Amino acid sequence: MQAGVLHDKGRILELVDKKLASSYNRKQALTVLLLAMKCVNLSPTLRPKISEVVSVLEGEKRIDEIFEGDDTPSANIGGQCSRVLEIEPIS
């Protein structure tokens, strides 16, 4: 199944390698996967700046802060974007 389809169905964590079983931080994986979905948008203007991505990964910003007010469809990657709040930074 394509990443965009899993994202739209709220099942994006199914992209995590099955070999990891449950030995990974779900919030960190979700952060990385959602950032990746934004980074592969066909429209360059809808992609985050690398500095924004780094700021989320370093815990300086939350993912919802860099996409605040972003209600644009992610049709380029498979459907509507979901907003994710209160994801803890990757440490």
N, C-alpha and C. Protein backbone atom coordinates (compact mmCIF):
# COMPACT_ATOMS: atom_id res chain seq x y z
N MET A 1 0.85 -1.17 0.00
CA MET A 1 0.00 0.00 0.00
C MET A 1 0.90 1.24 0.00
N GLN A 2 0.50 2.27 -0.71
CA GLN A 2 1.28 3.49 -0.80
C GLN A 2 1.23 4.29 0.50
N ALA A 3 2.32 5.02 0.75
CA ALA A 3 2.41 5.82 1.98
C ALA A 3 1.26 6.82 2.08
N GLY A 4 0.92 7.48 0.98
CA GLY A 4 -0.16 8.46 1.00
C GLY A 4 -1.49 7.85 1.38
N VAL A 5 -1.75 6.66 0.92
CA VAL A 5 -3.00 5.98 1.24
C VAL A 5 -3.04 5.63 2.73
N LEU A 6 -1.94 5.09 3.23
CA LEU A 6 -1.87 4.77 4.67
C LEU A 6 -2.02 6.03 5.51
N HIS A 7 -1.41 7.12 5.07
CA HIS A 7 -1.52 8.40 5.77
C HIS A 7 -2.97 8.84 5.83
N ASP A 8 -3.66 8.78 4.71
CA ASP A 8 -5.06 9.21 4.65
C ASP A 8 -5.97 8.37 5.52
N LYS A 9 -5.63 7.11 5.66
CA LYS A 9 -6.45 6.20 6.46
C LYS A 9 -6.07 6.23 7.94
N GLY A 10 -5.12 7.10 8.30
CA GLY A 10 -4.68 7.18 9.69
C GLY A 10 -3.84 5.99 10.12
N ARG A 11 -3.21 5.35 9.14
CA ARG A 11 -2.44 4.14 9.43
C ARG A 11 -0.98 4.30 9.02
N ILE A 12 -0.49 5.54 9.09
CA ILE A 12 0.87 5.83 8.62
C ILE A 12 1.94 5.05 9.38
N LEU A 13 1.68 4.70 10.63
CA LEU A 13 2.67 3.94 11.40
C LEU A 13 2.89 2.53 10.84
N GLU A 14 2.04 2.09 9.94
CA GLU A 14 2.26 0.80 9.30
C GLU A 14 3.48 0.82 8.39
N LEU A 15 4.02 2.01 8.13
CA LEU A 15 5.22 2.14 7.31
C LEU A 15 6.49 1.79 8.10
N VAL A 16 6.38 1.74 9.42
CA VAL A 16 7.53 1.38 10.25
C VAL A 16 7.87 -0.09 10.00
N ASP A 17 9.15 -0.36 9.91
CA ASP A 17 9.64 -1.72 9.66
C ASP A 17 9.05 -2.70 10.67
N LYS A 18 8.41 -3.73 10.18
CA LYS A 18 7.76 -4.74 11.05
C LYS A 18 8.77 -5.44 11.95
N LYS A 19 10.02 -5.50 11.53
CA LYS A 19 11.05 -6.17 12.33
C LYS A 19 11.29 -5.45 13.66
N LEU A 20 10.92 -4.18 13.72
CA LEU A 20 11.09 -3.43 14.97
C LEU A 20 10.06 -3.82 16.02
N ALA A 21 9.01 -4.51 15.58
CA ALA A 21 7.91 -4.89 16.48
C ALA A 21 7.44 -3.66 17.23
N SER A 22 7.54 -3.66 18.54
CA SER A 22 7.12 -2.49 19.31
C SER A 22 8.32 -1.80 19.96
N SER A 23 9.51 -2.09 19.47
CA SER A 23 10.71 -1.53 20.09
C SER A 23 11.16 -0.22 19.42
N TYR A 24 10.21 0.70 19.29
CA TYR A 24 10.52 2.03 18.78
C TYR A 24 9.58 3.02 19.43
N ASN A 25 9.96 4.28 19.42
CA ASN A 25 9.14 5.33 20.00
C ASN A 25 8.09 5.75 18.96
N ARG A 26 6.84 5.48 19.26
CA ARG A 26 5.76 5.76 18.30
C ARG A 26 5.65 7.25 17.96
N LYS A 27 5.83 8.11 18.95
CA LYS A 27 5.72 9.55 18.68
C LYS A 27 6.84 10.03 17.78
N GLN A 28 8.04 9.51 18.00
CA GLN A 28 9.15 9.89 17.14
C GLN A 28 8.94 9.39 15.72
N ALA A 29 8.49 8.16 15.58
CA ALA A 29 8.23 7.60 14.26
C ALA A 29 7.16 8.40 13.54
N LEU A 30 6.12 8.76 14.25
CA LEU A 30 5.04 9.55 13.66
C LEU A 30 5.55 10.91 13.19
N THR A 31 6.38 11.54 14.00
CA THR A 31 6.95 12.83 13.61
C THR A 31 7.74 12.70 12.31
N VAL A 32 8.62 11.72 12.25
CA VAL A 32 9.46 11.54 11.06
C VAL A 32 8.60 11.21 9.83
N LEU A 33 7.62 10.35 10.00
CA LEU A 33 6.77 9.98 8.87
C LEU A 33 5.94 11.16 8.36
N LEU A 34 5.39 11.94 9.27
CA LEU A 34 4.59 13.09 8.85
C LEU A 34 5.45 14.16 8.19
N LEU A 35 6.65 14.36 8.70
CA LEU A 35 7.58 15.29 8.05
C LEU A 35 7.94 14.78 6.65
N ALA A 36 8.17 13.50 6.55
CA ALA A 36 8.50 12.91 5.24
C ALA A 36 7.37 13.12 4.24
N MET A 37 6.14 12.95 4.70
CA MET A 37 4.99 13.15 3.80
C MET A 37 4.97 14.57 3.26
N LYS A 38 5.29 15.53 4.10
CA LYS A 38 5.33 16.92 3.65
C LYS A 38 6.51 17.16 2.70
N CYS A 39 7.64 16.52 2.98
CA CYS A 39 8.85 16.74 2.18
C CYS A 39 8.74 16.18 0.76
N VAL A 40 7.85 15.23 0.53
CA VAL A 40 7.72 14.64 -0.80
C VAL A 40 6.56 15.22 -1.59
N ASN A 41 5.96 16.29 -1.10
CA ASN A 41 4.87 16.92 -1.83
C ASN A 41 5.37 17.36 -3.20
N LEU A 42 4.58 17.10 -4.23
CA LEU A 42 4.98 17.46 -5.59
C LEU A 42 5.13 18.97 -5.77
N SER A 43 4.45 19.75 -4.97
CA SER A 43 4.53 21.20 -5.06
C SER A 43 5.64 21.72 -4.14
N PRO A 44 6.71 22.24 -4.70
CA PRO A 44 7.81 22.74 -3.87
C PRO A 44 7.37 23.80 -2.87
N THR A 45 6.36 24.58 -3.19
CA THR A 45 5.93 25.64 -2.28
C THR A 45 5.23 25.08 -1.05
N LEU A 46 4.77 23.85 -1.11
CA LEU A 46 4.10 23.23 0.03
C LEU A 46 5.04 22.39 0.89
N ARG A 47 6.28 22.25 0.44
CA ARG A 47 7.26 21.49 1.22
C ARG A 47 7.86 22.38 2.31
N PRO A 48 8.19 21.80 3.46
CA PRO A 48 8.83 22.62 4.51
C PRO A 48 10.28 22.93 4.13
N LYS A 49 10.78 24.01 4.67
CA LYS A 49 12.20 24.33 4.52
C LYS A 49 12.98 23.36 5.38
N ILE A 50 14.20 23.05 4.96
CA ILE A 50 15.01 22.11 5.74
C ILE A 50 15.24 22.63 7.15
N SER A 51 15.33 23.94 7.30
CA SER A 51 15.51 24.51 8.64
C SER A 51 14.30 24.23 9.52
N GLU A 52 13.11 24.20 8.92
CA GLU A 52 11.89 23.88 9.68
C GLU A 52 11.90 22.41 10.10
N VAL A 53 12.32 21.55 9.18
CA VAL A 53 12.39 20.12 9.49
C VAL A 53 13.37 19.89 10.64
N VAL A 54 14.53 20.51 10.54
CA VAL A 54 15.55 20.36 11.58
C VAL A 54 15.03 20.88 12.92
N SER A 55 14.33 22.01 12.90
CA SER A 55 13.82 22.57 14.15
C SER A 55 12.82 21.64 14.82
N VAL A 56 12.03 20.91 14.04
CA VAL A 56 11.11 19.93 14.62
C VAL A 56 11.90 18.74 15.17
N LEU A 57 12.85 18.25 14.40
CA LEU A 57 13.62 17.09 14.84
C LEU A 57 14.46 17.39 16.08
N GLU A 58 14.89 18.64 16.22
CA GLU A 58 15.67 19.02 17.39
C GLU A 58 14.81 19.44 18.57
N GLY A 59 13.50 19.48 18.38
CA GLY A 59 12.59 19.80 19.47
C GLY A 59 12.37 21.28 19.70
N GLU A 60 12.85 22.12 18.79
CA GLU A 60 12.66 23.56 18.92
C GLU A 60 11.24 23.98 18.55
N LYS A 61 10.63 23.23 17.65
CA LYS A 61 9.26 23.51 17.22
C LYS A 61 8.49 22.21 17.18
N ARG A 62 7.18 22.33 17.25
CA ARG A 62 6.30 21.17 17.06
C ARG A 62 5.91 21.13 15.58
N ILE A 63 5.57 19.96 15.12
CA ILE A 63 5.22 19.81 13.71
C ILE A 63 4.02 20.67 13.33
N ASP A 64 3.07 20.84 14.25
CA ASP A 64 1.91 21.66 13.92
C ASP A 64 2.28 23.14 13.81
N GLU A 65 3.39 23.55 14.40
CA GLU A 65 3.82 24.95 14.32
C GLU A 65 4.36 25.29 12.93
N ILE A 66 5.05 24.36 12.31
CA ILE A 66 5.59 24.68 10.99
C ILE A 66 4.54 24.56 9.88
N PHE A 67 3.44 23.89 10.18
CA PHE A 67 2.36 23.77 9.20
C PHE A 67 1.10 24.44 9.69
N GLU A 68 1.24 25.39 10.59
CA GLU A 68 0.10 26.08 11.17
C GLU A 68 -0.75 26.71 10.07
N GLY A 69 -2.04 26.41 10.11
CA GLY A 69 -2.95 26.97 9.12
C GLY A 69 -2.86 26.29 7.77
N ASP A 70 -2.11 25.20 7.68
CA ASP A 70 -1.95 24.50 6.41
C ASP A 70 -3.08 23.51 6.23
N ASP A 71 -4.07 23.91 5.47
CA ASP A 71 -5.20 23.03 5.18
C ASP A 71 -5.17 22.56 3.75
N THR A 72 -4.00 22.66 3.11
CA THR A 72 -3.89 22.29 1.72
C THR A 72 -4.03 20.79 1.56
N PRO A 73 -4.71 20.36 0.51
CA PRO A 73 -4.82 18.92 0.29
C PRO A 73 -3.47 18.33 -0.07
N SER A 74 -3.25 17.12 0.35
CA SER A 74 -2.01 16.44 -0.02
C SER A 74 -2.28 15.50 -1.17
N ALA A 75 -3.10 15.93 -2.10
CA ALA A 75 -3.46 15.10 -3.24
C ALA A 75 -2.22 14.65 -3.99
N ASN A 76 -1.17 15.43 -3.93
CA ASN A 76 0.07 15.07 -4.60
C ASN A 76 0.69 13.83 -3.97
N ILE A 77 0.29 13.52 -2.74
CA ILE A 77 0.83 12.35 -2.07
C ILE A 77 -0.29 11.42 -1.60
N GLY A 78 -1.52 11.75 -1.95
CA GLY A 78 -2.58 10.81 -1.70
C GLY A 78 -3.77 11.23 -0.88
N GLY A 79 -4.08 12.48 -0.67
CA GLY A 79 -5.32 12.82 0.02
C GLY A 79 -5.19 13.98 0.97
N GLN A 80 -6.06 14.03 1.95
CA GLN A 80 -6.09 15.15 2.90
C GLN A 80 -5.02 14.99 3.96
N CYS A 81 -4.38 16.11 4.31
CA CYS A 81 -3.39 16.12 5.39
C CYS A 81 -4.11 16.12 6.73
N SER A 82 -3.59 15.37 7.65
CA SER A 82 -4.14 15.43 8.99
C SER A 82 -3.22 16.28 9.83
N ARG A 83 -3.78 16.96 10.81
CA ARG A 83 -2.97 17.78 11.71
C ARG A 83 -2.64 16.94 12.93
N VAL A 84 -1.40 16.99 13.32
CA VAL A 84 -0.96 16.23 14.48
C VAL A 84 -0.46 17.22 15.51
N LEU A 85 -0.96 17.10 16.72
CA LEU A 85 -0.61 18.03 17.78
C LEU A 85 0.14 17.32 18.89
N GLU A 86 0.95 18.07 19.57
CA GLU A 86 1.63 17.60 20.77
C GLU A 86 2.49 16.35 20.57
N ILE A 87 3.26 16.35 19.51
CA ILE A 87 4.22 15.27 19.32
C ILE A 87 5.50 15.70 20.01
N GLU A 88 6.05 14.82 20.81
CA GLU A 88 7.27 15.15 21.54
C GLU A 88 8.46 15.18 20.60
N PRO A 89 9.44 16.04 20.88
CA PRO A 89 10.62 16.14 20.02
C PRO A 89 11.45 14.86 20.07
N ILE A 90 12.18 14.64 19.02
CA ILE A 90 13.11 13.50 18.97
C ILE A 90 14.34 13.89 19.75
N SER A 91 14.73 13.05 20.69
CA SER A 91 15.93 13.36 21.49
C SER A 91 16.97 12.28 21.29
